[in-house]
N, C-alpha and C. Protein backbone atom coordinates (compact mmCIF):
# COMPACT_ATOMS: atom_id res chain seq x y z
N UNK A 1 -8.13 10.19 34.19
CA UNK A 1 -7.11 10.36 33.20
C UNK A 1 -7.65 9.89 31.85
N UNK A 2 -7.54 10.73 30.84
CA UNK A 2 -8.03 10.35 29.51
C UNK A 2 -6.94 9.59 28.76
N UNK A 3 -7.35 8.59 28.02
CA UNK A 3 -6.39 7.80 27.25
C UNK A 3 -6.07 8.50 25.94
N UNK A 4 -4.81 8.53 25.61
CA UNK A 4 -4.38 9.13 24.34
C UNK A 4 -3.82 8.00 23.48
N UNK A 5 -4.74 7.36 22.76
CA UNK A 5 -4.38 6.20 21.97
C UNK A 5 -4.30 6.57 20.50
N UNK A 6 -3.22 6.14 19.84
CA UNK A 6 -3.06 6.29 18.41
C UNK A 6 -3.27 4.90 17.80
N UNK A 7 -4.06 4.83 16.74
CA UNK A 7 -4.35 3.53 16.13
C UNK A 7 -3.97 3.54 14.66
N UNK A 8 -3.43 2.43 14.21
CA UNK A 8 -3.16 2.22 12.79
C UNK A 8 -3.74 0.86 12.45
N UNK A 9 -4.65 0.84 11.47
CA UNK A 9 -5.30 -0.39 11.04
C UNK A 9 -4.98 -0.63 9.58
N UNK A 10 -4.81 -1.90 9.24
CA UNK A 10 -4.63 -2.30 7.85
C UNK A 10 -6.01 -2.36 7.21
N UNK A 11 -6.12 -1.86 5.99
CA UNK A 11 -7.39 -1.89 5.26
C UNK A 11 -7.41 -3.16 4.41
N UNK A 12 -8.21 -4.17 4.80
CA UNK A 12 -8.22 -5.45 4.08
C UNK A 12 -8.47 -5.26 2.59
N UNK A 13 -7.78 -6.07 1.80
CA UNK A 13 -7.94 -6.01 0.36
C UNK A 13 -7.08 -4.95 -0.30
N UNK A 14 -6.22 -4.30 0.46
CA UNK A 14 -5.36 -3.25 -0.11
C UNK A 14 -4.04 -3.21 0.64
N UNK A 15 -3.18 -2.33 0.20
CA UNK A 15 -1.90 -2.11 0.89
C UNK A 15 -1.94 -0.83 1.71
N UNK A 16 -3.11 -0.30 1.93
CA UNK A 16 -3.24 0.99 2.61
C UNK A 16 -3.46 0.80 4.11
N UNK A 17 -3.07 1.82 4.85
CA UNK A 17 -3.24 1.85 6.30
C UNK A 17 -4.16 3.00 6.66
N UNK A 18 -4.93 2.82 7.71
CA UNK A 18 -5.85 3.85 8.20
C UNK A 18 -5.42 4.21 9.61
N UNK A 19 -5.13 5.49 9.83
CA UNK A 19 -4.68 5.94 11.14
C UNK A 19 -5.70 6.82 11.82
N UNK A 20 -5.81 6.68 13.16
CA UNK A 20 -6.72 7.51 13.96
C UNK A 20 -5.96 8.06 15.15
N UNK A 21 -6.04 9.35 15.32
CA UNK A 21 -5.41 10.01 16.45
C UNK A 21 -6.40 10.06 17.61
N UNK A 22 -5.91 10.28 18.81
CA UNK A 22 -6.81 10.39 19.96
C UNK A 22 -7.71 11.62 19.86
N UNK A 23 -7.35 12.58 18.98
CA UNK A 23 -8.20 13.76 18.79
C UNK A 23 -9.27 13.52 17.73
N UNK A 24 -9.39 12.26 17.27
CA UNK A 24 -10.37 11.81 16.29
C UNK A 24 -10.03 12.19 14.84
N UNK A 25 -8.84 12.73 14.59
CA UNK A 25 -8.40 12.99 13.23
C UNK A 25 -8.08 11.64 12.59
N UNK A 26 -8.41 11.48 11.30
CA UNK A 26 -8.16 10.24 10.60
C UNK A 26 -7.45 10.51 9.29
N UNK A 27 -6.66 9.54 8.84
CA UNK A 27 -5.95 9.65 7.57
C UNK A 27 -5.63 8.27 7.05
N UNK A 28 -5.36 8.19 5.74
CA UNK A 28 -4.94 6.95 5.10
C UNK A 28 -3.61 7.19 4.42
N UNK A 29 -2.80 6.12 4.33
CA UNK A 29 -1.50 6.23 3.66
C UNK A 29 -1.01 4.85 3.26
N UNK A 30 -0.11 4.84 2.27
CA UNK A 30 0.55 3.60 1.86
C UNK A 30 1.80 3.36 2.70
N UNK A 31 2.41 4.43 3.15
CA UNK A 31 3.68 4.36 3.86
C UNK A 31 3.44 4.38 5.37
N UNK A 32 3.79 3.30 6.09
CA UNK A 32 3.55 3.27 7.53
C UNK A 32 4.35 4.33 8.29
N UNK A 33 5.55 4.66 7.82
CA UNK A 33 6.36 5.67 8.51
C UNK A 33 5.72 7.04 8.38
N UNK A 34 5.24 7.38 7.18
CA UNK A 34 4.58 8.68 6.97
C UNK A 34 3.32 8.79 7.83
N UNK A 35 2.56 7.70 7.91
CA UNK A 35 1.34 7.72 8.72
C UNK A 35 1.68 7.88 10.20
N UNK A 36 2.70 7.18 10.68
CA UNK A 36 3.08 7.29 12.09
C UNK A 36 3.57 8.71 12.40
N UNK A 37 4.38 9.28 11.52
CA UNK A 37 4.84 10.66 11.74
C UNK A 37 3.67 11.63 11.74
N UNK A 38 2.68 11.39 10.90
CA UNK A 38 1.49 12.23 10.87
C UNK A 38 0.76 12.15 12.21
N UNK A 39 0.63 10.94 12.75
CA UNK A 39 -0.03 10.78 14.05
C UNK A 39 0.77 11.44 15.16
N UNK A 40 2.08 11.35 15.13
CA UNK A 40 2.94 11.92 16.16
C UNK A 40 2.95 13.45 16.12
N UNK A 41 2.51 14.06 15.01
CA UNK A 41 2.56 15.52 14.90
C UNK A 41 1.37 16.20 15.59
N UNK A 42 0.62 15.47 16.38
CA UNK A 42 -0.53 16.04 17.11
C UNK A 42 -0.06 17.22 17.96
N UNK A 43 -0.74 18.33 17.97
CA UNK A 43 -2.03 18.63 17.38
C UNK A 43 -1.94 19.30 16.01
N UNK A 44 -0.78 19.30 15.40
CA UNK A 44 -0.60 19.99 14.12
C UNK A 44 -0.69 19.03 12.93
N UNK A 45 -1.77 18.26 12.85
CA UNK A 45 -1.95 17.36 11.73
C UNK A 45 -2.13 18.16 10.44
N UNK A 46 -1.42 17.83 9.38
CA UNK A 46 -1.75 18.44 8.10
C UNK A 46 -3.18 18.07 7.72
N UNK A 47 -3.96 18.98 7.17
CA UNK A 47 -5.38 18.71 6.92
C UNK A 47 -5.65 17.57 5.94
N UNK A 48 -4.74 17.30 5.02
CA UNK A 48 -4.99 16.27 4.01
C UNK A 48 -4.32 14.95 4.34
N UNK A 49 -3.89 14.76 5.55
CA UNK A 49 -3.21 13.53 5.92
C UNK A 49 -1.72 13.64 5.62
N UNK A 50 -1.00 12.53 5.76
CA UNK A 50 0.44 12.56 5.54
C UNK A 50 0.77 12.81 4.07
N UNK A 51 1.92 13.40 3.84
CA UNK A 51 2.36 13.65 2.47
C UNK A 51 2.66 12.32 1.80
N UNK A 52 2.16 12.15 0.59
CA UNK A 52 2.40 10.92 -0.16
C UNK A 52 3.49 11.17 -1.20
N UNK A 53 4.45 10.26 -1.33
CA UNK A 53 5.47 10.44 -2.35
C UNK A 53 4.86 10.34 -3.74
N UNK A 54 5.48 11.01 -4.70
CA UNK A 54 5.00 10.95 -6.07
C UNK A 54 5.15 9.52 -6.59
N UNK A 55 4.14 9.06 -7.30
CA UNK A 55 4.15 7.71 -7.83
C UNK A 55 4.70 7.76 -9.25
N UNK A 56 5.79 7.03 -9.47
CA UNK A 56 6.37 6.94 -10.81
C UNK A 56 5.92 5.63 -11.42
N UNK A 57 5.23 5.69 -12.56
CA UNK A 57 4.76 4.44 -13.16
C UNK A 57 5.94 3.59 -13.63
N UNK A 58 5.81 2.29 -13.46
CA UNK A 58 6.86 1.38 -13.89
C UNK A 58 6.82 1.24 -15.42
N UNK A 59 7.98 1.08 -16.04
CA UNK A 59 7.97 0.88 -17.49
C UNK A 59 7.35 -0.47 -17.83
N UNK A 60 6.79 -0.54 -19.01
CA UNK A 60 6.16 -1.78 -19.46
C UNK A 60 7.25 -2.83 -19.70
N UNK A 61 7.05 -4.06 -19.23
CA UNK A 61 8.08 -5.09 -19.45
C UNK A 61 8.15 -5.46 -20.92
N UNK A 62 9.32 -5.92 -21.37
CA UNK A 62 9.43 -6.31 -22.77
C UNK A 62 8.60 -7.57 -23.05
N UNK A 63 8.21 -7.71 -24.30
CA UNK A 63 7.44 -8.89 -24.69
C UNK A 63 8.32 -10.12 -24.58
N UNK A 64 7.72 -11.23 -24.18
CA UNK A 64 8.46 -12.48 -24.05
C UNK A 64 8.31 -13.25 -25.35
N UNK A 65 9.41 -13.71 -25.90
CA UNK A 65 9.38 -14.43 -27.16
C UNK A 65 9.91 -15.84 -26.92
N UNK A 66 9.12 -16.84 -27.34
CA UNK A 66 9.56 -18.23 -27.26
C UNK A 66 9.94 -18.64 -28.68
N UNK A 67 11.17 -19.06 -28.84
CA UNK A 67 11.64 -19.39 -30.18
C UNK A 67 11.58 -20.88 -30.49
N UNK A 68 11.38 -21.72 -29.51
CA UNK A 68 11.34 -23.17 -29.74
C UNK A 68 9.89 -23.64 -29.82
N UNK A 69 9.43 -23.94 -31.01
CA UNK A 69 8.05 -24.40 -31.19
C UNK A 69 7.80 -25.71 -30.47
N UNK A 70 8.81 -26.61 -30.43
CA UNK A 70 8.64 -27.90 -29.74
C UNK A 70 8.34 -27.71 -28.26
N UNK A 71 8.96 -26.71 -27.64
CA UNK A 71 8.75 -26.45 -26.21
C UNK A 71 7.33 -25.96 -25.95
N UNK A 72 6.79 -25.17 -26.85
CA UNK A 72 5.43 -24.65 -26.68
C UNK A 72 4.44 -25.81 -26.69
N UNK A 73 4.60 -26.74 -27.61
CA UNK A 73 3.68 -27.88 -27.71
C UNK A 73 3.81 -28.84 -26.53
N UNK A 74 5.02 -28.96 -25.99
CA UNK A 74 5.30 -29.92 -24.94
C UNK A 74 4.76 -29.49 -23.57
N UNK A 75 4.72 -28.19 -23.30
CA UNK A 75 4.28 -27.71 -21.99
C UNK A 75 2.77 -27.78 -21.84
N UNK A 76 2.32 -28.27 -20.72
CA UNK A 76 0.90 -28.39 -20.44
C UNK A 76 0.50 -27.24 -19.53
N UNK A 77 -0.60 -26.53 -19.86
CA UNK A 77 -1.04 -25.43 -18.97
C UNK A 77 -1.38 -25.96 -17.58
N UNK A 78 -0.99 -25.22 -16.57
CA UNK A 78 -1.28 -25.61 -15.19
C UNK A 78 -2.53 -24.91 -14.70
N UNK A 79 -3.26 -25.59 -13.84
CA UNK A 79 -4.46 -24.99 -13.25
C UNK A 79 -4.03 -23.89 -12.28
N UNK A 80 -4.80 -22.82 -12.26
CA UNK A 80 -4.50 -21.72 -11.33
C UNK A 80 -4.74 -22.17 -9.90
N UNK A 81 -3.83 -21.83 -9.02
CA UNK A 81 -3.95 -22.18 -7.60
C UNK A 81 -4.58 -21.01 -6.85
N UNK A 82 -5.77 -21.20 -6.42
CA UNK A 82 -6.46 -20.13 -5.67
C UNK A 82 -6.61 -20.53 -4.25
């Protein structure tokens, strides 16, 4: 009996997932549901992997204004926690 294993791996350093079907088809996606549905559609995998939703860029946040000069002088910069 041949094993029909579907695999989804997280790609370290990113938010992307890498999926492999038992037929050796591979795809990447940001959305785990889209990737799983792509794997479940065997043997009719779309050739370019799962459909990705359109990315809408976020608007730029407004500039932050500090109006109290005394507060700026009083605050001490903190060391970055890595």
